[in-house]
Amino acid sequence: MTPWSDLTPDRQLQLRMDYQAHLDSLPPTCSLDDKVTAFANWLASHDVAFSIEDVSPKRSRK
């Protein structure tokens, strides 16, 4: 799997736009953990690794 942080900004944007189309078919959730888990699972099906650290990499470096 390719780490999210290794993808180009253009590839990350394309994946986020593709995920949004998928997300529009799902019930909404307010839980950040649920959102991150769902996004990570969807990305895994596209051979991309994503974790909570990828949500705010600047914050995790402190």
N, C-alpha and C. Protein backbone atom coordinates (compact mmCIF):
# COMPACT_ATOMS: atom_id res chain seq x y z
N MET A 1 0.84 -1.18 0.00
CA MET A 1 0.00 0.00 0.00
C MET A 1 0.88 1.25 0.00
N THR A 2 0.39 2.26 -0.65
CA THR A 2 1.10 3.54 -0.70
C THR A 2 0.63 4.42 0.46
N PRO A 3 1.55 4.94 1.25
CA PRO A 3 1.14 5.85 2.32
C PRO A 3 0.53 7.13 1.74
N TRP A 4 -0.51 7.63 2.38
CA TRP A 4 -1.18 8.85 1.96
C TRP A 4 -0.18 9.99 1.78
N SER A 5 0.75 10.10 2.70
CA SER A 5 1.72 11.20 2.66
C SER A 5 2.67 11.11 1.47
N ASP A 6 2.76 9.96 0.85
CA ASP A 6 3.62 9.80 -0.33
C ASP A 6 2.92 10.17 -1.64
N LEU A 7 1.61 10.37 -1.58
CA LEU A 7 0.87 10.74 -2.79
C LEU A 7 1.09 12.21 -3.11
N THR A 8 1.02 12.53 -4.39
CA THR A 8 1.11 13.93 -4.78
C THR A 8 -0.15 14.67 -4.34
N PRO A 9 -0.06 15.98 -4.17
CA PRO A 9 -1.27 16.75 -3.82
C PRO A 9 -2.40 16.54 -4.83
N ASP A 10 -2.06 16.44 -6.11
CA ASP A 10 -3.10 16.21 -7.12
C ASP A 10 -3.78 14.86 -6.94
N ARG A 11 -3.00 13.83 -6.62
CA ARG A 11 -3.59 12.50 -6.41
C ARG A 11 -4.44 12.48 -5.15
N GLN A 12 -3.98 13.15 -4.08
CA GLN A 12 -4.78 13.24 -2.86
C GLN A 12 -6.10 13.94 -3.14
N LEU A 13 -6.06 15.02 -3.91
CA LEU A 13 -7.29 15.75 -4.24
C LEU A 13 -8.24 14.87 -5.03
N GLN A 14 -7.72 14.15 -6.02
CA GLN A 14 -8.58 13.29 -6.83
C GLN A 14 -9.23 12.21 -5.97
N LEU A 15 -8.47 11.62 -5.07
CA LEU A 15 -9.04 10.61 -4.18
C LEU A 15 -10.10 11.22 -3.26
N ARG A 16 -9.85 12.42 -2.74
CA ARG A 16 -10.85 13.06 -1.88
C ARG A 16 -12.13 13.35 -2.66
N MET A 17 -12.00 13.77 -3.91
CA MET A 17 -13.20 14.04 -4.72
C MET A 17 -13.94 12.74 -5.03
N ASP A 18 -13.20 11.68 -5.32
CA ASP A 18 -13.84 10.38 -5.57
C ASP A 18 -14.53 9.87 -4.31
N TYR A 19 -13.89 10.06 -3.16
CA TYR A 19 -14.49 9.63 -1.91
C TYR A 19 -15.75 10.42 -1.60
N GLN A 20 -15.76 11.70 -1.92
CA GLN A 20 -16.94 12.53 -1.66
C GLN A 20 -18.16 11.96 -2.39
N ALA A 21 -17.96 11.51 -3.62
CA ALA A 21 -19.07 10.90 -4.37
C ALA A 21 -19.58 9.67 -3.63
N HIS A 22 -18.67 8.88 -3.09
CA HIS A 22 -19.04 7.69 -2.30
C HIS A 22 -19.73 8.12 -1.01
N LEU A 23 -19.17 9.11 -0.34
CA LEU A 23 -19.68 9.60 0.93
C LEU A 23 -21.12 10.11 0.81
N ASP A 24 -21.43 10.72 -0.31
CA ASP A 24 -22.77 11.25 -0.51
C ASP A 24 -23.85 10.17 -0.46
N SER A 25 -23.46 8.91 -0.64
CA SER A 25 -24.44 7.82 -0.61
C SER A 25 -24.58 7.20 0.78
N LEU A 26 -23.80 7.69 1.75
CA LEU A 26 -23.81 7.12 3.10
C LEU A 26 -24.55 8.03 4.08
N PRO A 27 -25.04 7.46 5.18
CA PRO A 27 -25.65 8.30 6.21
C PRO A 27 -24.59 9.20 6.86
N PRO A 28 -24.94 10.40 7.24
CA PRO A 28 -23.96 11.31 7.85
C PRO A 28 -23.56 10.85 9.26
N THR A 29 -22.38 11.26 9.67
CA THR A 29 -21.90 10.99 11.02
C THR A 29 -21.15 12.22 11.53
N CYS A 30 -21.19 12.43 12.82
CA CYS A 30 -20.47 13.54 13.43
C CYS A 30 -19.15 13.09 14.05
N SER A 31 -18.97 11.81 14.19
CA SER A 31 -17.79 11.27 14.85
C SER A 31 -16.56 11.35 13.95
N LEU A 32 -15.53 12.07 14.39
CA LEU A 32 -14.29 12.15 13.62
C LEU A 32 -13.66 10.77 13.49
N ASP A 33 -13.70 9.98 14.55
CA ASP A 33 -13.13 8.62 14.48
C ASP A 33 -13.84 7.79 13.41
N ASP A 34 -15.17 7.88 13.36
CA ASP A 34 -15.92 7.14 12.34
C ASP A 34 -15.57 7.63 10.94
N LYS A 35 -15.43 8.94 10.80
CA LYS A 35 -15.11 9.51 9.48
C LYS A 35 -13.72 9.06 9.02
N VAL A 36 -12.75 9.11 9.92
CA VAL A 36 -11.38 8.71 9.58
C VAL A 36 -11.35 7.22 9.25
N THR A 37 -12.03 6.42 10.04
CA THR A 37 -12.07 4.97 9.79
C THR A 37 -12.70 4.66 8.44
N ALA A 38 -13.81 5.30 8.13
CA ALA A 38 -14.49 5.06 6.85
C ALA A 38 -13.60 5.48 5.68
N PHE A 39 -12.94 6.65 5.80
CA PHE A 39 -12.05 7.12 4.74
C PHE A 39 -10.86 6.17 4.59
N ALA A 40 -10.27 5.74 5.70
CA ALA A 40 -9.14 4.82 5.65
C ALA A 40 -9.52 3.49 5.00
N ASN A 41 -10.70 2.99 5.33
CA ASN A 41 -11.17 1.74 4.73
C ASN A 41 -11.39 1.89 3.23
N TRP A 42 -11.98 3.01 2.84
CA TRP A 42 -12.21 3.27 1.42
C TRP A 42 -10.86 3.40 0.69
N LEU A 43 -9.93 4.14 1.28
CA LEU A 43 -8.61 4.29 0.66
C LEU A 43 -7.89 2.95 0.57
N ALA A 44 -8.03 2.10 1.58
CA ALA A 44 -7.38 0.79 1.54
C ALA A 44 -7.83 -0.02 0.33
N SER A 45 -9.10 0.15 -0.05
CA SER A 45 -9.60 -0.55 -1.24
C SER A 45 -8.99 0.03 -2.53
N HIS A 46 -8.31 1.18 -2.39
CA HIS A 46 -7.60 1.82 -3.51
C HIS A 46 -6.09 1.73 -3.31
N ASP A 47 -5.67 0.82 -2.42
CA ASP A 47 -4.26 0.54 -2.16
C ASP A 47 -3.51 1.74 -1.58
N VAL A 48 -4.21 2.50 -0.71
CA VAL A 48 -3.60 3.65 -0.04
C VAL A 48 -3.78 3.48 1.46
N ALA A 49 -2.68 3.68 2.20
CA ALA A 49 -2.72 3.60 3.66
C ALA A 49 -2.96 4.99 4.25
N PHE A 50 -3.91 5.09 5.18
CA PHE A 50 -4.27 6.36 5.80
C PHE A 50 -4.57 6.11 7.27
N SER A 51 -4.13 7.03 8.13
CA SER A 51 -4.41 6.89 9.56
C SER A 51 -4.74 8.25 10.15
N ILE A 52 -5.08 8.26 11.42
CA ILE A 52 -5.44 9.50 12.11
C ILE A 52 -4.28 10.49 12.06
N GLU A 53 -3.05 10.02 12.03
CA GLU A 53 -1.89 10.91 11.94
C GLU A 53 -1.89 11.71 10.64
N ASP A 54 -2.51 11.17 9.59
CA ASP A 54 -2.59 11.86 8.31
C ASP A 54 -3.62 13.00 8.32
N VAL A 55 -4.47 13.01 9.31
CA VAL A 55 -5.49 14.07 9.39
C VAL A 55 -4.82 15.41 9.64
N SER A 56 -3.85 15.43 10.53
CA SER A 56 -3.13 16.66 10.85
C SER A 56 -1.67 16.34 11.11
N PRO A 57 -0.90 16.13 10.03
CA PRO A 57 0.49 15.74 10.22
C PRO A 57 1.30 16.76 11.00
N LYS A 58 1.00 18.04 10.87
CA LYS A 58 1.75 19.07 11.60
C LYS A 58 1.55 18.90 13.10
N ARG A 59 0.34 18.56 13.50
CA ARG A 59 0.04 18.39 14.93
C ARG A 59 0.76 17.16 15.47
N SER A 60 0.88 16.08 14.70
CA SER A 60 1.50 14.85 15.21
C SER A 60 3.01 14.97 15.30
N ARG A 61 3.62 15.96 14.67
CA ARG A 61 5.07 16.15 14.72
C ARG A 61 5.52 16.88 15.97
N LYS A 62 4.62 17.47 16.70
CA LYS A 62 4.98 18.25 17.90
C LYS A 62 5.45 17.35 19.01
